[in-house]
Protein backbone atom coordinates (compact mmCIF):
# COMPACT_ATOMS: atom_id res chain seq x y z
CA MET A 1 83.97 103.21 114.84
CA THR A 2 83.18 99.44 113.47
CA GLU A 3 82.55 97.09 116.89
CA ILE A 4 85.85 95.06 116.66
CA ARG A 5 87.81 98.59 115.89
CA GLU A 6 86.63 100.05 119.38
CA PHE A 7 87.13 96.69 120.94
CA PHE A 8 90.97 96.63 120.24
CA LEU A 9 91.01 100.56 120.82
CA SER A 10 90.11 100.38 124.00
CA LEU A 11 92.88 97.93 125.41
CA LEU A 12 95.82 98.83 122.93
CA ASP A 13 97.52 101.41 121.30
CA TYR A 14 98.92 101.41 117.65
CA ASN A 15 102.38 102.86 116.13
CA GLN A 16 101.86 103.61 112.27
CA GLU A 17 105.42 104.43 112.22
CA THR A 18 106.93 101.51 114.21
CA GLY A 19 104.42 98.94 114.26
CA ASP A 20 104.14 98.24 117.29
CA LEU A 21 101.07 97.47 119.87
CA THR A 22 101.32 99.03 123.37
CA TRP A 23 98.86 98.32 125.94
CA LYS A 24 96.67 101.04 127.73
CA HIS A 25 96.05 101.68 131.17
CA ARG A 26 92.83 100.12 132.17
CA PRO A 27 90.95 101.93 135.21
CA PRO A 28 92.46 100.92 138.35
CA VAL A 29 88.56 100.09 139.95
CA ASN A 30 89.61 96.68 140.76
CA LYS A 31 92.45 94.30 141.82
CA GLY A 32 92.91 92.52 138.49
CA ASN A 33 92.85 96.01 136.71
CA ARG A 34 95.95 96.91 139.02
CA ILE A 35 97.79 94.03 138.53
CA PHE A 36 97.62 94.26 134.65
CA ASN A 37 98.47 98.08 135.11
CA ALA A 38 101.82 97.27 137.04
CA LEU A 39 102.77 93.81 134.64
CA TYR A 40 101.45 95.57 131.48
CA ALA A 41 100.42 98.77 130.82
CA GLY A 42 102.74 100.79 128.68
CA LYS A 43 104.47 97.64 127.42
CA LYS A 44 104.62 96.47 123.79
CA GLY A 45 102.10 93.82 123.17
CA GLY A 46 102.76 90.53 121.43
CA SER A 47 105.37 87.59 122.03
CA ILE A 48 107.20 86.00 118.87
CA VAL A 49 105.78 82.34 117.57
CA THR A 50 106.66 80.98 114.78
CA SER A 51 104.35 79.24 112.20
CA ASP A 52 104.18 75.40 111.44
CA ASN A 53 103.96 75.95 107.93
CA SER A 54 106.06 78.78 106.78
CA LYS A 55 108.66 78.68 109.27
CA THR A 56 108.04 83.00 109.44
CA SER A 57 108.17 84.65 112.75
CA TYR A 58 104.63 86.20 113.82
CA LEU A 59 103.96 88.88 116.79
CA GLN A 60 100.69 87.20 118.85
CA THR A 61 99.29 88.59 121.65
CA VAL A 62 96.47 87.13 123.97
CA VAL A 63 92.93 89.48 124.18
CA LYS A 64 90.60 88.95 126.96
CA GLY A 65 91.54 84.87 126.84
CA LYS A 66 92.04 84.70 122.80
CA THR A 67 94.95 84.64 120.86
CA TYR A 68 95.38 86.83 117.77
CA LYS A 69 98.47 87.95 115.51
CA ASN A 70 99.31 91.28 115.93
CA HIS A 71 98.85 91.84 112.50
CA ARG A 72 95.23 91.17 111.98
CA ILE A 73 94.42 93.15 115.23
CA ILE A 74 96.47 96.20 113.54
CA PHE A 75 94.40 95.53 110.77
CA ALA A 76 91.70 95.98 112.48
CA ILE A 77 92.58 98.67 114.26
CA MET A 78 93.02 100.63 110.93
CA ALA A 79 90.78 99.39 108.34
CA GLY A 80 87.68 98.51 110.73
CA TYR A 81 87.67 94.67 109.79
CA MET A 82 89.93 91.78 110.00
CA PRO A 83 90.43 90.23 106.49
CA GLU A 84 90.58 86.36 105.16
CA GLN A 85 94.41 86.37 105.51
CA VAL A 86 97.14 89.72 105.85
CA ASP A 87 100.22 89.83 103.67
CA HIS A 88 103.12 91.25 104.62
CA ILE A 89 104.54 92.64 101.87
CA ASP A 90 108.03 92.52 102.62
CA HIS A 91 107.75 88.59 103.89
CA ASN A 92 109.18 89.94 107.54
CA GLY A 93 106.53 88.64 109.72
CA LEU A 94 107.92 90.38 112.46
CA ASN A 95 107.28 94.23 110.47
CA ASN A 96 103.96 95.07 111.57
CA ARG A 97 104.33 98.80 110.13
CA TRP A 98 100.50 99.88 108.24
CA SER A 99 102.85 100.78 105.31
CA ASN A 100 103.69 96.91 105.33
CA LEU A 101 100.52 95.55 105.44
CA ARG A 102 97.30 94.15 103.13
CA ALA A 103 94.45 92.19 103.15
CA SER A 104 94.69 89.25 101.33
CA ASN A 105 93.50 85.70 101.01
CA ASN A 106 94.93 82.52 100.39
CA ARG A 107 95.16 82.40 96.56
CA ASP A 108 96.61 86.18 96.71
CA ASN A 109 98.91 85.46 99.64
CA ALA A 110 100.42 82.78 96.97
CA LYS A 111 101.36 85.70 94.69
CA ASN A 112 103.95 87.16 97.55
CA LEU A 113 106.04 83.82 98.40
CA PRO A 114 109.58 84.21 98.90
CA MET A 115 111.86 82.32 96.73
CA LEU A 116 112.41 79.06 98.74
CA LYS A 117 115.99 78.29 99.82
CA SER A 118 116.14 75.36 98.04
CA ASN A 119 116.03 77.16 94.91
CA LYS A 120 118.85 76.74 92.27
CA SER A 121 117.82 79.01 89.62
CA GLY A 122 117.83 82.40 91.32
CA CYS A 123 114.32 82.54 89.78
CA ILE A 124 110.88 81.84 91.65
CA GLY A 125 109.12 79.08 89.31
CA VAL A 126 112.03 78.20 87.47
CA ASN A 127 114.31 74.58 88.17
CA TRP A 128 116.10 71.92 86.18
CA HIS A 129 114.03 69.27 85.16
CA LYS A 130 116.72 66.23 85.67
CA ALA A 131 115.24 63.62 84.02
CA ALA A 132 114.01 65.90 80.94
CA LYS A 133 117.68 67.36 80.93
CA ARG A 134 115.78 71.14 80.68
CA TRP A 135 114.71 74.09 82.40
CA GLN A 136 111.13 73.99 83.30
CA ALA A 137 109.10 77.11 84.06
CA ARG A 138 106.06 76.64 86.91
CA ALA A 139 103.31 78.80 88.36
CA VAL A 140 100.24 78.43 90.27
CA ASP A 141 97.07 79.19 88.63
CA LYS A 142 93.54 81.24 89.92
CA ASP A 143 92.31 78.34 91.37
CA GLY A 144 95.51 77.57 93.33
CA LYS A 145 96.72 74.61 90.75
CA ARG A 146 100.19 74.06 90.25
CA ILE A 147 100.58 74.20 86.14
CA ASP A 148 103.37 73.49 83.92
CA LEU A 149 104.12 76.86 81.85
CA GLY A 150 106.87 74.40 79.41
CA ARG A 151 110.54 73.24 79.66
CA PHE A 152 113.11 74.88 77.90
CA ASP A 153 116.56 74.66 76.70
CA ASN A 154 118.27 77.92 78.49
CA ILE A 155 116.91 79.32 81.50
CA GLU A 156 116.57 82.80 79.90
CA ASP A 157 113.50 81.46 77.78
CA ALA A 158 112.28 79.55 81.11
CA ILE A 159 112.60 83.04 83.17
CA ARG A 160 110.68 84.97 80.14
CA VAL A 161 107.60 82.64 80.09
CA ARG A 162 107.48 82.45 84.07
CA LYS A 163 107.88 86.56 84.39
CA ALA A 164 104.71 86.86 81.65
CA TYR A 165 102.52 84.75 83.28
CA GLU A 166 103.31 86.67 86.85
CA LYS A 167 102.59 89.72 84.71
CA GLU A 168 99.58 88.45 82.88
CA PHE A 169 98.13 86.79 86.50
CA GLY A 170 98.57 89.87 88.65
CA TYR A 171 101.57 88.67 90.94
CA TYR A 172 103.44 90.71 93.05
CA GLU A 173 106.79 92.67 92.57
CA HIS A 174 109.62 92.09 95.25
CA ARG A 175 109.21 88.71 95.93
CA GLY A 176 112.90 87.76 96.78
CA ASP A 177 114.20 87.14 93.39
CA VAL A 178 116.38 89.95 92.64
CA GLN A 179 118.51 87.83 90.22
CA CYS A 180 115.63 87.17 87.49
């Protein structure tokens, strides 16, 4: 077992089916452990916080004075390391089932962004360009830069070009754009 995995497993249990972390009982050798056991042992670890950047809610837990997001603790327990980022496949930051988590990085995580609420086309990366009075397809390239895939007279052509780009460059499926 890796050191980080052992560290978290000495303090917490993880249920893969529910995604819950639960505090373990500590040996009642001192007053601090007895108080901890009375307050926390056997209870779920984590409190809900909302990220300022994404407005997504996550669970986070303070372990030995340091704050960790639960999905990062879980990844360390299950895989033995903490990746650069952990991606929630279904976009629900509170769903920490192992089957819903995958190692990621900033560039790859951007490929799994959900559709913005302001989206009017129903398809990620397709919008109406007011000045050109045409449909526009856009994407993010391998370096994380926004690129223009073209402007089109009809929405179907813009969606087709955007979907072809997603397939060619490995975007994730099930990104919240069920209409296209």
